[in-house]
């Protein structure tokens, strides 16, 4: 698009309905990953050579949703099923098995915070900052903003929901009670 002879026309036709000005869009063609511009109702993000057009939505990144010990499911903000006594087999990225003795209720669903870290499975107990994890996994700004985290009441990250578990809380052969949480399709 940068080299296209009719780039101004194309930019106008594609993005002016969303409230973006052509001159700003032309400068945005040179934007590096992670940069963004906004109109009154949309955001345009540059992400590894691709633009992401996202409607602006009011968000409260400090919002926390609690999961109490007796909950068997929640449907908001995401749909999760909670059960006990599931086998310790690997259940995939859409579920997590936890040693219930290693966690403290209530569990919390929240978005990222500055300084968050966890010990991803496969790192032998070493910690990794969430921002480094997001960078390594090539998360877009939009994906970072919308990633849910499951923590316990001490604010330790148990699960980057749907992506990676913290290995410190996984069941062992000595586990008495296994808690399984599954992310359901919405």
C-alpha atoms as a PDB file:
ATOM      1  CA  UNK A   1       0.000   0.000   0.000  1.00  0.00           C
ATOM      2  CA  UNK A   2       2.919   2.354   0.738  1.00  0.00           C
ATOM      3  CA  UNK A   3       4.013   2.182  -2.907  1.00  0.00           C
ATOM      4  CA  UNK A   4       0.590   2.024  -4.536  1.00  0.00           C
ATOM      5  CA  UNK A   5       0.033   4.980  -6.906  1.00  0.00           C
ATOM      6  CA  UNK A   6      -3.545   5.446  -5.644  1.00  0.00           C
ATOM      7  CA  UNK A   7      -2.768   4.987  -1.941  1.00  0.00           C
ATOM      8  CA  UNK A   8      -4.635   8.161  -0.841  1.00  0.00           C
ATOM      9  CA  UNK A   9      -7.777   7.035  -2.650  1.00  0.00           C
ATOM     10  CA  UNK A  10      -7.536   3.527  -1.184  1.00  0.00           C
ATOM     11  CA  UNK A  11      -6.935   4.839   2.330  1.00  0.00           C
ATOM     12  CA  UNK A  12      -9.892   7.183   1.955  1.00  0.00           C
ATOM     13  CA  UNK A  13     -12.223   4.468   0.652  1.00  0.00           C
ATOM     14  CA  UNK A  14     -11.176   1.897   3.241  1.00  0.00           C
ATOM     15  CA  UNK A  15     -10.831   3.936   6.411  1.00  0.00           C
ATOM     16  CA  UNK A  16     -12.555   7.322   6.161  1.00  0.00           C
ATOM     17  CA  UNK A  17     -15.925   5.695   7.035  1.00  0.00           C
ATOM     18  CA  UNK A  18     -14.336   4.928  10.421  1.00  0.00           C
ATOM     19  CA  UNK A  19     -13.393   8.571  11.027  1.00  0.00           C
ATOM     20  CA  UNK A  20      -9.685   8.514  10.131  1.00  0.00           C
ATOM     21  CA  UNK A  21      -8.042  11.427   8.297  1.00  0.00           C
ATOM     22  CA  UNK A  22      -6.079  10.612   5.150  1.00  0.00           C
ATOM     23  CA  UNK A  23      -2.961  12.622   6.071  1.00  0.00           C
ATOM     24  CA  UNK A  24      -2.698  10.824   9.409  1.00  0.00           C
ATOM     25  CA  UNK A  25      -3.217   7.457   7.712  1.00  0.00           C
ATOM     26  CA  UNK A  26      -0.431   8.184   5.220  1.00  0.00           C
ATOM     27  CA  UNK A  27       1.975   8.882   8.083  1.00  0.00           C
ATOM     28  CA  UNK A  28       0.697   5.778   9.868  1.00  0.00           C
ATOM     29  CA  UNK A  29       1.865   3.668   6.909  1.00  0.00           C
ATOM     30  CA  UNK A  30       5.369   3.991   8.400  1.00  0.00           C
ATOM     31  CA  UNK A  31       4.274   3.042  11.945  1.00  0.00           C
ATOM     32  CA  UNK A  32       6.120   0.311  13.782  1.00  0.00           C
ATOM     33  CA  UNK A  33       4.478  -2.569  15.637  1.00  0.00           C
ATOM     34  CA  UNK A  34       2.555  -1.449  18.698  1.00  0.00           C
ATOM     35  CA  UNK A  35       1.673   2.023  17.445  1.00  0.00           C
ATOM     36  CA  UNK A  36      -1.929   3.141  17.235  1.00  0.00           C
ATOM     37  CA  UNK A  37      -4.128   5.994  16.110  1.00  0.00           C
ATOM     38  CA  UNK A  38      -7.718   6.695  17.073  1.00  0.00           C
ATOM     39  CA  UNK A  39     -10.838   8.215  15.637  1.00  0.00           C
ATOM     40  CA  UNK A  40     -13.899   9.020  17.732  1.00  0.00           C
ATOM     41  CA  UNK A  41     -15.103   5.426  17.682  1.00  0.00           C
ATOM     42  CA  UNK A  42     -12.259   3.244  16.368  1.00  0.00           C
ATOM     43  CA  UNK A  43      -8.639   2.377  17.018  1.00  0.00           C
ATOM     44  CA  UNK A  44      -6.183   1.410  14.302  1.00  0.00           C
ATOM     45  CA  UNK A  45      -3.243  -0.672  15.547  1.00  0.00           C
ATOM     46  CA  UNK A  46      -0.066  -1.494  13.680  1.00  0.00           C
ATOM     47  CA  UNK A  47       0.972  -5.094  14.344  1.00  0.00           C
ATOM     48  CA  UNK A  48       3.805  -6.766  12.414  1.00  0.00           C
ATOM     49  CA  UNK A  49       2.911  -5.283   9.036  1.00  0.00           C
ATOM     50  CA  UNK A  50      -0.839  -5.641   9.541  1.00  0.00           C
ATOM     51  CA  UNK A  51      -3.380  -3.066  10.669  1.00  0.00           C
ATOM     52  CA  UNK A  52      -6.041  -4.045  13.178  1.00  0.00           C
ATOM     53  CA  UNK A  53      -9.237  -1.974  13.115  1.00  0.00           C
ATOM     54  CA  UNK A  54     -10.982  -2.214  16.464  1.00  0.00           C
ATOM     55  CA  UNK A  55     -14.133  -0.492  17.719  1.00  0.00           C
ATOM     56  CA  UNK A  56     -13.550   1.552  20.855  1.00  0.00           C
ATOM     57  CA  UNK A  57     -15.278  -0.018  23.792  1.00  0.00           C
ATOM     58  CA  UNK A  58     -15.343   1.249  27.333  1.00  0.00           C
ATOM     59  CA  UNK A  59     -13.044  -1.012  29.303  1.00  0.00           C
ATOM     60  CA  UNK A  60     -12.191  -1.195  32.941  1.00  0.00           C
ATOM     61  CA  UNK A  61      -8.874  -2.997  33.201  1.00  0.00           C
ATOM     62  CA  UNK A  62      -9.176  -2.953  37.001  1.00  0.00           C
ATOM     63  CA  UNK A  63     -12.381  -4.989  36.962  1.00  0.00           C
ATOM     64  CA  UNK A  64     -12.094  -8.274  38.866  1.00  0.00           C
ATOM     65  CA  UNK A  65     -14.489 -11.218  38.761  1.00  0.00           C
ATOM     66  CA  UNK A  66     -14.419 -13.673  41.651  1.00  0.00           C
ATOM     67  CA  UNK A  67     -14.756 -17.446  41.550  1.00  0.00           C
ATOM     68  CA  UNK A  68     -15.695 -18.913  44.909  1.00  0.00           C
ATOM     69  CA  UNK A  69     -14.886 -22.398  46.110  1.00  0.00           C
ATOM     70  CA  UNK A  70     -18.445 -23.669  45.590  1.00  0.00           C
ATOM     71  CA  UNK A  71     -18.825 -22.319  42.011  1.00  0.00           C
ATOM     72  CA  UNK A  72     -19.214 -24.961  39.303  1.00  0.00           C
ATOM     73  CA  UNK A  73     -19.390 -22.530  36.407  1.00  0.00           C
ATOM     74  CA  UNK A  74     -19.311 -18.869  35.494  1.00  0.00           C
ATOM     75  CA  UNK A  75     -20.616 -17.339  32.300  1.00  0.00           C
ATOM     76  CA  UNK A  76     -19.341 -13.765  32.592  1.00  0.00           C
ATOM     77  CA  UNK A  77     -16.919 -12.288  31.615  1.00  0.00           C
ATOM     78  CA  UNK A  78     -15.894 -15.602  30.064  1.00  0.00           C
ATOM     79  CA  UNK A  79     -17.489 -19.030  30.175  1.00  0.00           C
ATOM     80  CA  UNK A  80     -15.702 -21.429  32.559  1.00  0.00           C
ATOM     81  CA  UNK A  81     -16.653 -24.842  33.970  1.00  0.00           C
ATOM     82  CA  UNK A  82     -15.182 -25.822  37.322  1.00  0.00           C
ATOM     83  CA  UNK A  83     -15.025 -29.396  38.625  1.00  0.00           C
ATOM     84  CA  UNK A  84     -13.092 -31.510  41.093  1.00  0.00           C
ATOM     85  CA  UNK A  85     -11.472 -34.917  40.971  1.00  0.00           C
ATOM     86  CA  UNK A  86     -10.513 -34.851  37.293  1.00  0.00           C
ATOM     87  CA  UNK A  87      -7.508 -36.967  36.337  1.00  0.00           C
ATOM     88  CA  UNK A  88      -4.103 -35.332  36.121  1.00  0.00           C
ATOM     89  CA  UNK A  89      -3.826 -35.931  32.368  1.00  0.00           C
ATOM     90  CA  UNK A  90      -2.937 -32.961  30.206  1.00  0.00           C
ATOM     91  CA  UNK A  91      -6.217 -31.373  29.185  1.00  0.00           C
ATOM     92  CA  UNK A  92      -4.907 -28.876  26.627  1.00  0.00           C
ATOM     93  CA  UNK A  93      -4.657 -25.082  26.579  1.00  0.00           C
ATOM     94  CA  UNK A  94      -8.403 -24.649  27.134  1.00  0.00           C
ATOM     95  CA  UNK A  95      -8.275 -26.163  30.607  1.00  0.00           C
ATOM     96  CA  UNK A  96      -6.125 -26.256  33.676  1.00  0.00           C
ATOM     97  CA  UNK A  97      -5.717 -28.721  36.538  1.00  0.00           C
ATOM     98  CA  UNK A  98      -4.711 -27.251  39.883  1.00  0.00           C
ATOM     99  CA  UNK A  99      -3.646 -28.703  43.214  1.00  0.00           C
ATOM    100  CA  UNK A 100      -6.358 -27.238  45.427  1.00  0.00           C
ATOM    101  CA  UNK A 101      -4.053 -27.225  48.482  1.00  0.00           C
ATOM    102  CA  UNK A 102      -1.649 -24.851  46.665  1.00  0.00           C
ATOM    103  CA  UNK A 103      -4.212 -22.144  45.879  1.00  0.00           C
ATOM    104  CA  UNK A 104      -6.309 -19.757  47.948  1.00  0.00           C
ATOM    105  CA  UNK A 105      -9.924 -18.888  47.222  1.00  0.00           C
ATOM    106  CA  UNK A 106     -11.591 -16.872  45.962  1.00  0.00           C
ATOM    107  CA  UNK A 107      -9.981 -17.164  42.555  1.00  0.00           C
ATOM    108  CA  UNK A 108     -10.021 -14.019  40.430  1.00  0.00           C
ATOM    109  CA  UNK A 109     -10.350 -13.266  36.735  1.00  0.00           C
ATOM    110  CA  UNK A 110      -8.641 -10.040  35.789  1.00  0.00           C
ATOM    111  CA  UNK A 111      -6.620  -8.330  33.079  1.00  0.00           C
ATOM    112  CA  UNK A 112      -2.872  -7.680  33.163  1.00  0.00           C
ATOM    113  CA  UNK A 113      -1.138  -5.314  35.554  1.00  0.00           C
ATOM    114  CA  UNK A 114       2.299  -3.740  35.527  1.00  0.00           C
ATOM    115  CA  UNK A 115       4.861  -6.154  36.977  1.00  0.00           C
ATOM    116  CA  UNK A 116       2.797  -9.348  36.596  1.00  0.00           C
ATOM    117  CA  UNK A 117       4.878 -12.518  36.402  1.00  0.00           C
ATOM    118  CA  UNK A 118       4.365 -16.264  36.510  1.00  0.00           C
ATOM    119  CA  UNK A 119       6.270 -19.537  36.133  1.00  0.00           C
ATOM    120  CA  UNK A 120       5.127 -21.016  32.817  1.00  0.00           C
ATOM    121  CA  UNK A 121       5.037 -24.756  32.373  1.00  0.00           C
ATOM    122  CA  UNK A 122       8.326 -25.882  30.870  1.00  0.00           C
ATOM    123  CA  UNK A 123      10.547 -23.253  32.565  1.00  0.00           C
ATOM    124  CA  UNK A 124      11.419 -25.418  35.588  1.00  0.00           C
ATOM    125  CA  UNK A 125      10.058 -22.945  38.139  1.00  0.00           C
ATOM    126  CA  UNK A 126      11.788 -19.853  36.735  1.00  0.00           C
ATOM    127  CA  UNK A 127       9.627 -16.756  36.597  1.00  0.00           C
ATOM    128  CA  UNK A 128       8.797 -14.827  33.471  1.00  0.00           C
ATOM    129  CA  UNK A 129       7.192 -11.422  33.338  1.00  0.00           C
ATOM    130  CA  UNK A 130       3.843 -11.359  31.628  1.00  0.00           C
ATOM    131  CA  UNK A 131       5.059  -8.590  29.318  1.00  0.00           C
ATOM    132  CA  UNK A 132       7.980 -10.807  28.195  1.00  0.00           C
ATOM    133  CA  UNK A 133       5.594 -13.729  27.692  1.00  0.00           C
ATOM    134  CA  UNK A 134       3.311 -11.534  25.553  1.00  0.00           C
ATOM    135  CA  UNK A 135       6.286 -10.364  23.492  1.00  0.00           C
ATOM    136  CA  UNK A 136       7.590 -13.911  22.999  1.00  0.00           C
ATOM    137  CA  UNK A 137       4.123 -15.097  21.954  1.00  0.00           C
ATOM    138  CA  UNK A 138       3.777 -12.112  19.575  1.00  0.00           C
ATOM    139  CA  UNK A 139       0.607 -10.759  21.160  1.00  0.00           C
ATOM    140  CA  UNK A 140      -0.828  -7.676  19.499  1.00  0.00           C
ATOM    141  CA  UNK A 141      -1.715  -4.713  21.707  1.00  0.00           C
ATOM    142  CA  UNK A 142      -5.365  -5.691  21.322  1.00  0.00           C
ATOM    143  CA  UNK A 143      -4.648  -9.278  22.421  1.00  0.00           C
ATOM    144  CA  UNK A 144      -2.701  -8.045  25.463  1.00  0.00           C
ATOM    145  CA  UNK A 145      -5.567  -5.802  26.504  1.00  0.00           C
ATOM    146  CA  UNK A 146      -8.101  -8.613  26.202  1.00  0.00           C
ATOM    147  CA  UNK A 147      -6.191 -11.512  27.749  1.00  0.00           C
ATOM    148  CA  UNK A 148      -7.819 -12.826  30.921  1.00  0.00           C
ATOM    149  CA  UNK A 149      -5.694 -14.032  33.814  1.00  0.00           C
ATOM    150  CA  UNK A 150      -6.790 -16.456  36.522  1.00  0.00           C
ATOM    151  CA  UNK A 151      -5.222 -15.658  39.893  1.00  0.00           C
ATOM    152  CA  UNK A 152      -5.779 -16.837  43.410  1.00  0.00           C
ATOM    153  CA  UNK A 153      -6.609 -14.511  46.315  1.00  0.00           C
ATOM    154  CA  UNK A 154      -2.881 -13.846  46.878  1.00  0.00           C
ATOM    155  CA  UNK A 155      -2.762 -12.467  43.284  1.00  0.00           C
ATOM    156  CA  UNK A 156      -0.485 -15.210  41.963  1.00  0.00           C
ATOM    157  CA  UNK A 157      -1.177 -15.937  38.294  1.00  0.00           C
ATOM    158  CA  UNK A 158      -2.406 -19.518  37.940  1.00  0.00           C
ATOM    159  CA  UNK A 159      -3.272 -19.402  34.257  1.00  0.00           C
ATOM    160  CA  UNK A 160      -2.988 -17.110  31.276  1.00  0.00           C
ATOM    161  CA  UNK A 161      -6.479 -18.254  30.341  1.00  0.00           C
ATOM    162  CA  UNK A 162      -6.542 -20.452  27.271  1.00  0.00           C
ATOM    163  CA  UNK A 163      -2.787 -20.172  26.778  1.00  0.00           C
ATOM    164  CA  UNK A 164      -0.340 -21.189  29.505  1.00  0.00           C
ATOM    165  CA  UNK A 165      -0.508 -22.486  33.096  1.00  0.00           C
ATOM    166  CA  UNK A 166       1.832 -21.697  35.982  1.00  0.00           C
ATOM    167  CA  UNK A 167       3.540 -24.979  36.772  1.00  0.00           C
ATOM    168  CA  UNK A 168       3.830 -24.277  40.531  1.00  0.00           C
ATOM    169  CA  UNK A 169       0.126 -24.969  41.047  1.00  0.00           C
ATOM    170  CA  UNK A 170      -0.210 -28.085  38.911  1.00  0.00           C
ATOM    171  CA  UNK A 171      -1.130 -31.399  40.554  1.00  0.00           C
ATOM    172  CA  UNK A 172       1.552 -33.874  41.582  1.00  0.00           C
ATOM    173  CA  UNK A 173       1.237 -37.567  42.501  1.00  0.00           C
ATOM    174  CA  UNK A 174       0.772 -36.366  46.124  1.00  0.00           C
ATOM    175  CA  UNK A 175      -2.171 -34.090  45.310  1.00  0.00           C
ATOM    176  CA  UNK A 176      -5.274 -34.805  47.402  1.00  0.00           C
ATOM    177  CA  UNK A 177      -7.826 -32.686  45.533  1.00  0.00           C
ATOM    178  CA  UNK A 178      -7.586 -31.653  41.883  1.00  0.00           C
ATOM    179  CA  UNK A 179      -9.500 -28.627  40.677  1.00  0.00           C
ATOM    180  CA  UNK A 180     -10.137 -28.523  36.921  1.00  0.00           C
ATOM    181  CA  UNK A 181     -11.179 -25.327  35.175  1.00  0.00           C
ATOM    182  CA  UNK A 182     -12.174 -25.476  31.535  1.00  0.00           C
ATOM    183  CA  UNK A 183     -12.647 -22.582  29.127  1.00  0.00           C
ATOM    184  CA  UNK A 184     -15.846 -23.240  27.183  1.00  0.00           C
ATOM    185  CA  UNK A 185     -16.634 -21.916  23.733  1.00  0.00           C
ATOM    186  CA  UNK A 186     -18.949 -18.937  23.917  1.00  0.00           C
END
